[in-house]
Structures are given as C-alpha cells and as structure tokens.
C-alpha cells in the first residue's frame, strides 16, 4: 500500500442524541409560546433555534480529510480553508501511529491545541503523530490505525534519510 486516504465525520450516535434533545426542547418551547407552529409570539425562540441549528449543521457537515502519499502528509478540516496542512517528508523528524486520549491530551475533538502541539481529530483513540524538524507536534486522528501504519512503513526510509542528513 502506497497511499492512505481517510475521510471522517462527526457522526457519533451521542451527538445525534444531543441534537435531537436540544431540538425537542426548543420545539416544545416554541410551541408553548405560540399558537401552535403558525403564530410565533417570541422571535427570540426562533432565533434560539437558528443559533443552535446552524452550528449543529456545520458540525455535521465538517469532515477530516487525510492523505499520505509519496509527497508527504496532507490533512484538512473541511470546510475550513485555514485548516489545511501539508507536511513534506523532508520536514518530518518522526512519524508514527499511536494511541492517545483526546480529552486529557487535547481537551476534546476538533481542531485542538495551541503553540507547537496541535491535533485534528474527530473520533477514536488512535492518531498519526508527526514531529517536525522545527519541534512542532501534530496529531491527526484516525479510525484506520493499521492501514495508516502500513503506509507509513513504506515511507519510513524518507524520514530516516532526512535524519541522517542532519
């Protein structure tokens, strides 16, 4: 295997349960404060519904896209253009798959971290750990750890060659 590609979405069952609960509560509140669903007396409730629906829709639309190939490692959190990262093999000092805890190490899921330690993750407890030559640490969450590990083994010589040229 020479190429690794993965697309992940925030589609955990518990997220849908939270969404359904929030929409049910807001729907009941709107219904109780109106003449059915036809005559709204409180635009605040409608705005509240929109304020919840838009971020939830964005979360459901987002996806983590990862690609490992002969050029390096690409990752982006669609639809955020600023999130796209590309690590050329010559920039990488270390790269391996590891188990991690998203809550304790990065404070949760999504685009996480500050300074030189960052992570993009959606679900699971495995990640592709990248350490760059300038000391930055970047973790990309994966639900396909064995596939990622096999592809990284194919490119390990590029990392090793970079380290011998120091």
N, C-alpha and C. Protein backbone atom coordinates (compact mmCIF):
# COMPACT_ATOMS: atom_id res chain seq x y z
N UNK A 1 0.83 -1.19 0.00
CA UNK A 1 0.00 0.00 0.00
C UNK A 1 0.88 1.25 0.00
N UNK A 2 0.66 2.13 -0.94
CA UNK A 2 1.48 3.32 -1.07
C UNK A 2 0.72 4.60 -0.75
N UNK A 3 -0.60 4.53 -0.71
CA UNK A 3 -1.41 5.72 -0.44
C UNK A 3 -2.43 5.40 0.65
N UNK A 4 -2.55 6.33 1.58
CA UNK A 4 -3.56 6.22 2.63
C UNK A 4 -4.49 7.41 2.49
N UNK A 5 -5.79 7.15 2.41
CA UNK A 5 -6.79 8.21 2.36
C UNK A 5 -7.89 7.88 3.35
N UNK A 6 -8.34 8.92 4.05
CA UNK A 6 -9.40 8.72 5.04
C UNK A 6 -10.22 9.99 5.15
N UNK A 7 -11.52 9.81 5.22
CA UNK A 7 -12.45 10.91 5.48
C UNK A 7 -13.28 10.53 6.70
N UNK A 8 -13.32 11.42 7.68
CA UNK A 8 -14.09 11.18 8.90
C UNK A 8 -15.06 12.32 9.12
N UNK A 9 -16.19 11.99 9.69
CA UNK A 9 -17.21 12.99 10.03
C UNK A 9 -17.60 12.83 11.49
N UNK A 10 -18.17 13.90 12.02
CA UNK A 10 -18.73 13.85 13.37
C UNK A 10 -20.09 13.16 13.28
N UNK A 11 -20.11 11.84 13.30
CA UNK A 11 -21.38 11.12 13.17
C UNK A 11 -21.60 10.14 14.32
N UNK A 12 -21.07 10.46 15.48
CA UNK A 12 -21.26 9.61 16.64
C UNK A 12 -22.73 9.63 17.08
N UNK A 13 -23.23 8.51 17.55
CA UNK A 13 -24.64 8.39 17.94
C UNK A 13 -25.00 9.38 19.03
N UNK A 14 -24.07 9.62 19.97
CA UNK A 14 -24.39 10.50 21.09
C UNK A 14 -24.54 11.96 20.64
N UNK A 15 -23.86 12.34 19.55
CA UNK A 15 -24.06 13.69 19.02
C UNK A 15 -25.48 13.85 18.48
N UNK A 16 -25.95 12.83 17.77
CA UNK A 16 -27.32 12.88 17.26
C UNK A 16 -28.33 12.91 18.40
N UNK A 17 -28.05 12.17 19.48
CA UNK A 17 -28.95 12.18 20.64
C UNK A 17 -29.02 13.58 21.26
N UNK A 18 -27.87 14.24 21.37
CA UNK A 18 -27.84 15.61 21.91
C UNK A 18 -28.62 16.55 20.99
N UNK A 19 -28.39 16.44 19.67
CA UNK A 19 -29.09 17.30 18.71
C UNK A 19 -30.60 17.12 18.83
N UNK A 20 -31.05 15.87 18.88
CA UNK A 20 -32.48 15.59 18.95
C UNK A 20 -33.08 16.14 20.25
N UNK A 21 -32.36 15.99 21.35
CA UNK A 21 -32.84 16.50 22.64
C UNK A 21 -32.98 18.03 22.59
N UNK A 22 -31.95 18.71 22.10
CA UNK A 22 -31.96 20.17 22.04
C UNK A 22 -33.09 20.66 21.13
N UNK A 23 -33.24 20.04 19.95
CA UNK A 23 -34.32 20.44 19.05
C UNK A 23 -35.69 20.17 19.66
N UNK A 24 -35.83 19.07 20.38
CA UNK A 24 -37.11 18.76 21.03
C UNK A 24 -37.45 19.81 22.08
N UNK A 25 -36.47 20.17 22.91
CA UNK A 25 -36.69 21.19 23.94
C UNK A 25 -37.06 22.53 23.30
N UNK A 26 -36.31 22.93 22.29
CA UNK A 26 -36.62 24.20 21.62
C UNK A 26 -37.96 24.14 20.89
N UNK A 27 -38.26 23.02 20.28
CA UNK A 27 -39.55 22.87 19.60
C UNK A 27 -40.71 22.98 20.57
N UNK A 28 -40.59 22.35 21.73
CA UNK A 28 -41.63 22.44 22.76
C UNK A 28 -41.76 23.87 23.26
N UNK A 29 -40.63 24.53 23.48
CA UNK A 29 -40.66 25.92 23.95
C UNK A 29 -41.34 26.83 22.93
N UNK A 30 -41.04 26.63 21.66
CA UNK A 30 -41.68 27.44 20.62
C UNK A 30 -43.18 27.16 20.59
N UNK A 31 -43.55 25.90 20.64
CA UNK A 31 -44.96 25.53 20.60
C UNK A 31 -45.73 26.10 21.78
N UNK A 32 -45.15 26.01 22.98
CA UNK A 32 -45.81 26.50 24.20
C UNK A 32 -45.98 28.02 24.18
N UNK A 33 -45.09 28.72 23.49
CA UNK A 33 -45.13 30.18 23.46
C UNK A 33 -45.72 30.73 22.18
N UNK A 34 -46.54 29.93 21.52
CA UNK A 34 -47.16 30.39 20.27
C UNK A 34 -48.54 29.75 20.14
N UNK A 35 -49.22 30.13 19.08
CA UNK A 35 -50.50 29.49 18.75
C UNK A 35 -50.18 28.32 17.82
N UNK A 36 -49.72 27.24 18.38
CA UNK A 36 -49.24 26.13 17.55
C UNK A 36 -47.94 26.56 16.90
N UNK A 37 -47.70 26.08 15.69
CA UNK A 37 -46.48 26.47 14.99
C UNK A 37 -46.79 27.53 13.92
N UNK A 38 -47.95 28.17 14.01
CA UNK A 38 -48.33 29.11 12.96
C UNK A 38 -48.12 30.56 13.33
N UNK A 39 -48.24 30.91 14.60
CA UNK A 39 -48.16 32.30 15.01
C UNK A 39 -47.16 32.44 16.16
N UNK A 40 -45.94 32.81 15.84
CA UNK A 40 -44.90 32.91 16.87
C UNK A 40 -45.01 34.23 17.60
N UNK A 41 -45.07 34.16 18.93
CA UNK A 41 -45.11 35.37 19.74
C UNK A 41 -43.72 35.76 20.22
N UNK A 42 -42.78 34.85 20.08
CA UNK A 42 -41.45 35.13 20.59
C UNK A 42 -40.38 34.88 19.52
N UNK A 43 -39.97 35.94 18.83
CA UNK A 43 -38.90 35.76 17.84
C UNK A 43 -37.59 35.31 18.49
N UNK A 44 -37.46 35.53 19.79
CA UNK A 44 -36.25 35.08 20.49
C UNK A 44 -36.13 33.56 20.41
N UNK A 45 -37.25 32.87 20.53
CA UNK A 45 -37.22 31.40 20.44
C UNK A 45 -36.81 30.93 19.05
N UNK A 46 -37.30 31.61 18.03
CA UNK A 46 -36.93 31.25 16.66
C UNK A 46 -35.44 31.52 16.45
N UNK A 47 -34.97 32.66 16.93
CA UNK A 47 -33.54 32.97 16.82
C UNK A 47 -32.72 31.95 17.61
N UNK A 48 -33.23 31.50 18.74
CA UNK A 48 -32.54 30.47 19.52
C UNK A 48 -32.43 29.18 18.73
N UNK A 49 -33.50 28.83 18.06
CA UNK A 49 -33.50 27.62 17.24
C UNK A 49 -32.45 27.73 16.13
N UNK A 50 -32.39 28.87 15.48
CA UNK A 50 -31.38 29.10 14.43
C UNK A 50 -29.97 29.10 15.01
N UNK A 51 -29.82 29.70 16.19
CA UNK A 51 -28.50 29.76 16.83
C UNK A 51 -27.98 28.37 17.18
N UNK A 52 -28.88 27.45 17.39
CA UNK A 52 -28.49 26.07 17.68
C UNK A 52 -28.36 25.27 16.38
N UNK A 53 -29.28 25.45 15.46
CA UNK A 53 -29.30 24.65 14.22
C UNK A 53 -28.10 24.92 13.33
N UNK A 54 -27.68 26.16 13.22
CA UNK A 54 -26.57 26.49 12.32
C UNK A 54 -25.26 25.84 12.77
N UNK A 55 -24.84 26.01 14.04
CA UNK A 55 -23.61 25.32 14.46
C UNK A 55 -23.72 23.79 14.38
N UNK A 56 -24.88 23.25 14.72
CA UNK A 56 -25.06 21.80 14.64
C UNK A 56 -24.95 21.32 13.19
N UNK A 57 -25.54 22.06 12.27
CA UNK A 57 -25.42 21.72 10.86
C UNK A 57 -23.98 21.78 10.38
N UNK A 58 -23.26 22.78 10.84
CA UNK A 58 -21.84 22.90 10.48
C UNK A 58 -21.04 21.71 11.00
N UNK A 59 -21.31 21.31 12.23
CA UNK A 59 -20.60 20.16 12.81
C UNK A 59 -20.89 18.90 11.99
N UNK A 60 -22.13 18.70 11.59
CA UNK A 60 -22.47 17.53 10.79
C UNK A 60 -21.85 17.58 9.39
N UNK A 61 -21.62 18.77 8.87
CA UNK A 61 -21.07 18.96 7.54
C UNK A 61 -19.54 18.81 7.52
N UNK A 62 -18.90 19.11 8.63
CA UNK A 62 -17.44 19.08 8.70
C UNK A 62 -16.90 17.67 8.45
N UNK A 63 -15.70 17.63 7.88
CA UNK A 63 -15.04 16.35 7.74
C UNK A 63 -13.53 16.52 7.81
N UNK A 64 -12.89 15.53 8.39
CA UNK A 64 -11.44 15.48 8.48
C UNK A 64 -10.94 14.62 7.33
N UNK A 65 -10.12 15.21 6.47
CA UNK A 65 -9.62 14.51 5.28
C UNK A 65 -8.11 14.37 5.42
N UNK A 66 -7.64 13.12 5.34
CA UNK A 66 -6.22 12.82 5.49
C UNK A 66 -5.73 12.06 4.27
N UNK A 67 -4.52 12.40 3.81
CA UNK A 67 -3.90 11.67 2.70
C UNK A 67 -2.41 11.56 2.96
N UNK A 68 -1.90 10.34 2.84
CA UNK A 68 -0.46 10.08 2.93
C UNK A 68 -0.04 9.50 1.58
N UNK A 69 0.96 10.14 0.95
CA UNK A 69 1.45 9.63 -0.33
C UNK A 69 2.94 9.92 -0.46
N UNK A 70 3.49 9.77 -1.66
CA UNK A 70 4.93 9.92 -1.89
C UNK A 70 5.44 11.34 -1.60
N UNK A 71 4.55 12.33 -1.61
CA UNK A 71 4.97 13.72 -1.35
C UNK A 71 5.02 14.05 0.13
N UNK A 72 4.14 13.41 0.92
CA UNK A 72 4.08 13.71 2.34
C UNK A 72 2.70 13.43 2.90
N UNK A 73 2.33 14.19 3.92
CA UNK A 73 1.05 14.00 4.61
C UNK A 73 0.23 15.28 4.50
N UNK A 74 -0.99 15.14 3.99
CA UNK A 74 -1.92 16.27 3.88
C UNK A 74 -3.10 16.02 4.81
N UNK A 75 -3.56 17.09 5.41
CA UNK A 75 -4.74 16.98 6.27
C UNK A 75 -5.50 18.30 6.22
N UNK A 76 -6.82 18.21 6.25
CA UNK A 76 -7.62 19.43 6.34
C UNK A 76 -8.95 19.11 7.01
N UNK A 77 -9.47 20.12 7.65
CA UNK A 77 -10.78 20.05 8.28
C UNK A 77 -11.72 20.85 7.39
N UNK A 78 -12.41 20.15 6.48
CA UNK A 78 -13.35 20.81 5.58
C UNK A 78 -14.55 21.27 6.39
N UNK A 79 -15.08 22.45 6.21
CA UNK A 79 -14.90 23.43 5.15
C UNK A 79 -13.93 24.57 5.50
N UNK A 80 -13.14 24.41 6.53
CA UNK A 80 -12.27 25.50 6.97
C UNK A 80 -10.98 25.51 6.15
N UNK A 81 -10.85 26.47 5.26
CA UNK A 81 -9.67 26.56 4.40
C UNK A 81 -8.38 26.77 5.17
N UNK A 82 -8.45 27.52 6.27
CA UNK A 82 -7.25 27.80 7.06
C UNK A 82 -6.68 26.55 7.71
N UNK A 83 -7.46 25.48 7.76
CA UNK A 83 -7.03 24.28 8.48
C UNK A 83 -6.13 23.37 7.67
N UNK A 84 -5.98 23.62 6.39
CA UNK A 84 -5.21 22.70 5.55
C UNK A 84 -3.73 22.74 5.90
N UNK A 85 -3.17 21.55 6.09
CA UNK A 85 -1.74 21.40 6.42
C UNK A 85 -1.12 20.40 5.46
N UNK A 86 0.14 20.65 5.10
CA UNK A 86 0.89 19.71 4.28
C UNK A 86 2.28 19.57 4.87
N UNK A 87 2.63 18.35 5.21
CA UNK A 87 3.94 18.05 5.76
C UNK A 87 4.72 17.25 4.72
N UNK A 88 5.75 17.88 4.14
CA UNK A 88 6.61 17.15 3.22
C UNK A 88 7.48 16.20 4.03
N UNK A 89 7.89 15.09 3.41
CA UNK A 89 8.70 14.12 4.14
C UNK A 89 9.98 14.75 4.68
N UNK A 90 10.54 15.71 3.95
CA UNK A 90 11.79 16.32 4.40
C UNK A 90 11.60 17.20 5.64
N UNK A 91 10.36 17.59 5.95
CA UNK A 91 10.07 18.39 7.14
C UNK A 91 9.87 17.53 8.39
N UNK A 92 9.66 16.23 8.19
CA UNK A 92 9.26 15.35 9.28
C UNK A 92 10.47 14.68 9.92
N UNK A 93 10.56 14.82 11.23
CA UNK A 93 11.62 14.16 12.01
C UNK A 93 11.16 12.77 12.47
N UNK A 94 9.91 12.68 12.93
CA UNK A 94 9.32 11.42 13.38
C UNK A 94 7.88 11.35 12.91
N UNK A 95 7.42 10.13 12.63
CA UNK A 95 6.02 9.94 12.26
C UNK A 95 5.63 8.50 12.57
N UNK A 96 4.57 8.34 13.35
CA UNK A 96 4.14 7.00 13.77
C UNK A 96 2.69 7.05 14.22
N UNK A 97 2.06 5.89 14.27
CA UNK A 97 0.69 5.77 14.75
C UNK A 97 0.75 5.44 16.24
N UNK A 98 -0.09 6.13 17.02
CA UNK A 98 -0.11 5.87 18.46
C UNK A 98 -1.52 5.98 19.01
N UNK A 99 -1.71 5.39 20.18
CA UNK A 99 -2.97 5.52 20.90
C UNK A 99 -2.87 6.79 21.74
N UNK A 100 -3.98 7.50 21.87
CA UNK A 100 -4.00 8.73 22.66
C UNK A 100 -5.37 8.93 23.26
N UNK A 101 -5.46 9.87 24.20
CA UNK A 101 -6.74 10.21 24.82
C UNK A 101 -7.09 11.64 24.41
N UNK A 102 -8.10 11.82 23.56
CA UNK A 102 -8.44 13.16 23.06
C UNK A 102 -8.81 14.14 24.17
N UNK A 103 -9.48 13.66 25.20
CA UNK A 103 -9.91 14.57 26.28
C UNK A 103 -8.75 15.03 27.14
N UNK A 104 -7.92 14.11 27.60
CA UNK A 104 -6.85 14.50 28.52
C UNK A 104 -5.66 15.14 27.81
N UNK A 105 -5.37 14.72 26.58
CA UNK A 105 -4.21 15.27 25.88
C UNK A 105 -4.51 16.55 25.12
N UNK A 106 -5.73 16.67 24.58
CA UNK A 106 -6.04 17.81 23.72
C UNK A 106 -7.30 18.56 24.11
N UNK A 107 -7.99 18.11 25.14
CA UNK A 107 -9.19 18.81 25.60
C UNK A 107 -10.42 18.54 24.76
N UNK A 108 -10.42 17.49 23.96
CA UNK A 108 -11.59 17.14 23.18
C UNK A 108 -11.29 16.87 21.72
N UNK A 109 -12.33 17.02 20.90
CA UNK A 109 -12.24 16.71 19.49
C UNK A 109 -12.37 17.98 18.66
N UNK A 110 -11.91 17.89 17.42
CA UNK A 110 -11.98 19.03 16.51
C UNK A 110 -10.59 19.54 16.20
N UNK A 111 -10.47 20.83 15.98
CA UNK A 111 -9.18 21.49 15.77
C UNK A 111 -8.72 21.91 17.15
N UNK A 112 -7.70 21.27 17.67
CA UNK A 112 -7.30 21.45 19.06
C UNK A 112 -5.83 21.83 19.18
N UNK A 113 -5.50 22.40 20.33
CA UNK A 113 -4.11 22.68 20.67
C UNK A 113 -3.70 24.11 20.41
N UNK A 114 -2.60 24.47 21.05
CA UNK A 114 -2.01 25.79 20.87
C UNK A 114 -0.50 25.64 20.81
N UNK A 115 0.14 26.65 20.29
CA UNK A 115 1.59 26.63 20.24
C UNK A 115 2.11 25.55 19.31
N UNK A 116 3.07 24.77 19.81
CA UNK A 116 3.72 23.76 18.98
C UNK A 116 3.07 22.39 19.05
N UNK A 117 1.99 22.25 19.82
CA UNK A 117 1.32 20.95 19.96
C UNK A 117 -0.14 21.08 19.52
N UNK A 118 -0.46 20.49 18.35
CA UNK A 118 -1.81 20.62 17.79
C UNK A 118 -2.35 19.25 17.39
N UNK A 119 -3.68 19.20 17.26
CA UNK A 119 -4.34 17.97 16.83
C UNK A 119 -5.58 18.29 16.03
N UNK A 120 -5.84 17.45 15.04
CA UNK A 120 -7.11 17.43 14.33
C UNK A 120 -7.67 16.04 14.59
N UNK A 121 -8.83 15.98 15.22
CA UNK A 121 -9.41 14.66 15.47
C UNK A 121 -10.93 14.73 15.47
N UNK A 122 -11.54 13.61 15.14
CA UNK A 122 -12.99 13.52 15.04
C UNK A 122 -13.53 12.45 15.98
N UNK A 123 -12.90 11.29 15.98
CA UNK A 123 -13.36 10.21 16.84
C UNK A 123 -12.23 9.20 17.04
N UNK A 124 -12.43 8.30 17.96
CA UNK A 124 -11.46 7.24 18.18
C UNK A 124 -10.33 7.65 19.11
N UNK A 125 -9.41 6.71 19.26
CA UNK A 125 -8.30 6.88 20.20
C UNK A 125 -6.95 6.61 19.56
N UNK A 126 -6.89 6.64 18.23
CA UNK A 126 -5.62 6.44 17.54
C UNK A 126 -5.34 7.66 16.67
N UNK A 127 -4.05 7.95 16.52
CA UNK A 127 -3.67 9.09 15.71
C UNK A 127 -2.34 8.90 15.04
N UNK A 128 -2.12 9.66 13.98
CA UNK A 128 -0.84 9.71 13.28
C UNK A 128 -0.07 10.86 13.90
N UNK A 129 0.97 10.54 14.65
CA UNK A 129 1.77 11.55 15.34
C UNK A 129 2.89 12.01 14.42
N UNK A 130 2.97 13.31 14.20
CA UNK A 130 4.02 13.90 13.37
C UNK A 130 4.83 14.84 14.25
N UNK A 131 6.14 14.69 14.22
CA UNK A 131 7.04 15.63 14.89
C UNK A 131 7.92 16.21 13.79
N UNK A 132 7.90 17.53 13.67
CA UNK A 132 8.65 18.18 12.59
C UNK A 132 10.06 18.54 13.05
N UNK A 133 10.89 18.88 12.09
CA UNK A 133 12.29 19.25 12.39
C UNK A 133 12.39 20.50 13.26
N UNK A 134 11.39 21.38 13.16
CA UNK A 134 11.43 22.60 13.98
C UNK A 134 10.76 22.41 15.34
N UNK A 135 10.45 21.16 15.71
CA UNK A 135 9.95 20.88 17.05
C UNK A 135 8.44 20.92 17.22
N UNK A 136 7.70 21.15 16.15
CA UNK A 136 6.24 21.14 16.26
C UNK A 136 5.72 19.71 16.33
N UNK A 137 4.63 19.54 17.06
CA UNK A 137 4.00 18.24 17.21
C UNK A 137 2.57 18.34 16.69
N UNK A 138 2.20 17.43 15.81
CA UNK A 138 0.88 17.48 15.20
C UNK A 138 0.31 16.07 15.17
N UNK A 139 -0.93 15.92 15.68
CA UNK A 139 -1.57 14.62 15.70
C UNK A 139 -2.82 14.66 14.82
N UNK A 140 -2.97 13.65 13.96
CA UNK A 140 -4.14 13.53 13.10
C UNK A 140 -4.88 12.27 13.54
N UNK A 141 -6.09 12.44 14.02
CA UNK A 141 -6.88 11.29 14.44
C UNK A 141 -7.20 10.37 13.28
N UNK A 142 -7.23 9.07 13.55
CA UNK A 142 -7.57 8.09 12.53
C UNK A 142 -8.39 6.95 13.13
N UNK A 143 -9.31 6.44 12.35
CA UNK A 143 -10.05 5.24 12.74
C UNK A 143 -9.53 4.04 11.94
N UNK A 144 -8.46 4.25 11.19
CA UNK A 144 -7.82 3.18 10.42
C UNK A 144 -6.34 3.11 10.80
N UNK A 145 -6.03 2.82 12.07
CA UNK A 145 -4.63 2.87 12.50
C UNK A 145 -3.71 1.87 11.80
N UNK A 146 -4.20 0.67 11.53
CA UNK A 146 -3.33 -0.33 10.88
C UNK A 146 -3.03 0.03 9.44
N UNK A 147 -4.02 0.54 8.72
CA UNK A 147 -3.78 0.97 7.34
C UNK A 147 -2.77 2.12 7.31
N UNK A 148 -2.94 3.07 8.21
CA UNK A 148 -2.01 4.21 8.27
C UNK A 148 -0.60 3.73 8.60
N UNK A 149 -0.50 2.81 9.55
CA UNK A 149 0.81 2.28 9.96
C UNK A 149 1.51 1.60 8.78
N UNK A 150 0.76 0.82 8.00
CA UNK A 150 1.35 0.12 6.86
C UNK A 150 1.87 1.10 5.80
N UNK A 151 1.11 2.14 5.53
CA UNK A 151 1.55 3.13 4.53
C UNK A 151 2.76 3.90 5.06
N UNK A 152 2.74 4.27 6.33
CA UNK A 152 3.88 4.99 6.91
C UNK A 152 5.16 4.16 6.84
N UNK A 153 5.04 2.85 6.99
CA UNK A 153 6.22 1.98 6.88
C UNK A 153 6.84 2.08 5.49
N UNK A 154 6.02 2.27 4.46
CA UNK A 154 6.53 2.41 3.09
C UNK A 154 7.36 3.68 2.92
N UNK A 155 7.09 4.70 3.72
CA UNK A 155 7.78 5.98 3.58
C UNK A 155 8.78 6.25 4.70
N UNK A 156 8.96 5.29 5.58
CA UNK A 156 9.88 5.47 6.71
C UNK A 156 11.30 5.77 6.23
N UNK A 157 11.69 5.20 5.09
CA UNK A 157 13.03 5.46 4.56
C UNK A 157 13.24 6.94 4.23
N UNK A 158 12.18 7.63 3.83
CA UNK A 158 12.31 9.07 3.53
C UNK A 158 12.58 9.85 4.81
N UNK A 159 11.94 9.46 5.89
CA UNK A 159 12.17 10.12 7.18
C UNK A 159 13.57 9.79 7.69
N UNK A 160 13.95 8.52 7.59
CA UNK A 160 15.28 8.10 8.05
C UNK A 160 16.39 8.78 7.25
N UNK A 161 16.20 8.92 5.93
CA UNK A 161 17.20 9.62 5.11
C UNK A 161 17.32 11.08 5.52
N UNK A 162 16.20 11.70 5.86
CA UNK A 162 16.23 13.09 6.31
C UNK A 162 17.01 13.21 7.60
N UNK A 163 16.83 12.25 8.51
CA UNK A 163 17.51 12.31 9.80
C UNK A 163 19.00 12.05 9.68
N UNK A 164 19.42 11.27 8.68
CA UNK A 164 20.85 11.01 8.51
C UNK A 164 21.58 12.18 7.87
N UNK A 165 20.83 13.10 7.26
CA UNK A 165 21.43 14.27 6.61
C UNK A 165 21.60 15.45 7.56
N UNK A 166 21.28 15.27 8.81
CA UNK A 166 21.36 16.39 9.77
C UNK A 166 22.80 16.67 10.12
